[in-house]
Protein backbone atom coordinates (compact mmCIF):
# COMPACT_ATOMS: atom_id res chain seq x y z
CA MET A 1 123.73 150.98 37.56
CA ASP A 2 125.30 148.64 40.23
CA PHE A 3 121.46 146.63 39.77
CA ASP A 4 121.84 146.62 36.11
CA ILE A 5 125.42 144.82 36.12
CA HIS A 6 124.02 142.16 38.29
CA ALA A 7 120.58 141.84 36.53
CA PRO A 8 121.19 139.38 34.25
CA ASN A 9 123.12 137.54 37.13
CA TYR A 10 120.39 136.97 38.89
CA ILE A 11 117.82 136.06 36.09
CA PHE A 12 120.56 133.03 35.16
CA VAL A 13 121.20 131.87 38.20
CA SER A 14 117.01 131.97 38.82
CA LEU A 15 117.08 129.66 35.56
CA ILE A 16 119.65 127.71 36.66
CA MET A 17 117.77 127.05 40.40
CA ARG A 18 114.37 126.11 38.39
CA LYS A 19 116.69 123.76 36.17
CA ILE A 20 117.39 121.92 39.12
CA SER A 21 114.19 121.76 40.56
CA THR A 22 112.55 120.19 37.63
CA VAL A 23 115.34 117.71 37.31
CA THR A 24 115.26 116.70 40.62
CA HIS A 25 111.59 116.38 41.08
CA PHE A 26 111.64 114.29 37.27
CA LEU A 27 114.13 112.38 39.33
CA THR A 28 112.48 111.67 42.66
CA ILE A 29 109.59 110.59 40.33
CA TYR A 30 111.64 108.03 38.23
CA THR A 31 113.06 106.97 41.57
CA HIS A 32 109.36 105.66 42.84
CA LYS A 33 108.75 104.24 39.74
CA ILE A 34 112.10 101.76 39.82
CA HIS A 35 111.35 101.15 42.84
CA ASN A 36 107.42 100.62 42.76
CA ILE A 37 108.87 98.35 39.99
CA PHE A 38 111.41 96.35 41.97
CA GLU A 39 109.40 95.67 44.78
CA LYS A 40 106.27 93.82 42.93
CA LYS A 41 108.85 91.75 40.99
CA PHE A 42 111.11 90.75 43.84
CA PHE A 43 109.28 91.54 46.89
CA LYS A 44 105.81 90.22 46.51
CA GLY A 45 103.66 90.43 49.81
CA SER A 46 106.08 92.25 52.19
CA ARG A 47 104.75 95.35 52.50
CA ALA A 48 101.79 92.92 53.29
CA PHE A 49 103.58 91.30 56.21
CA SER A 50 105.66 94.00 57.43
CA ASN A 51 101.60 95.99 57.61
CA GLU A 52 100.53 92.30 59.85
CA THR A 53 103.32 92.81 61.76
CA GLN A 54 102.84 96.88 62.58
CA VAL A 55 99.47 95.49 63.67
CA TYR A 56 101.03 92.53 65.87
CA CYS A 57 103.01 94.50 67.56
CA ALA A 58 100.12 97.61 68.27
CA GLY A 59 98.13 94.32 69.14
CA GLN A 60 100.70 93.19 71.80
C-alpha cells in the first residue's frame, strides 16, 4: 500500500532527474562550442604558444 502511494512520485522524480541530466549534457556541449569559437576568434595561436612553453619548461 505504501509503495503504491510513493510509486508515482518516484516516477516523477526519475523523469525530472533524466531531464536535468539531458539539459546539463546539452549545456556542456553548447558551452564547449562557444569556448572553441571564442578561442579561435580571440586567441589565435594561444594554444600553440602554451604547448611550446610547456615543452620548454619540461626540457629545462
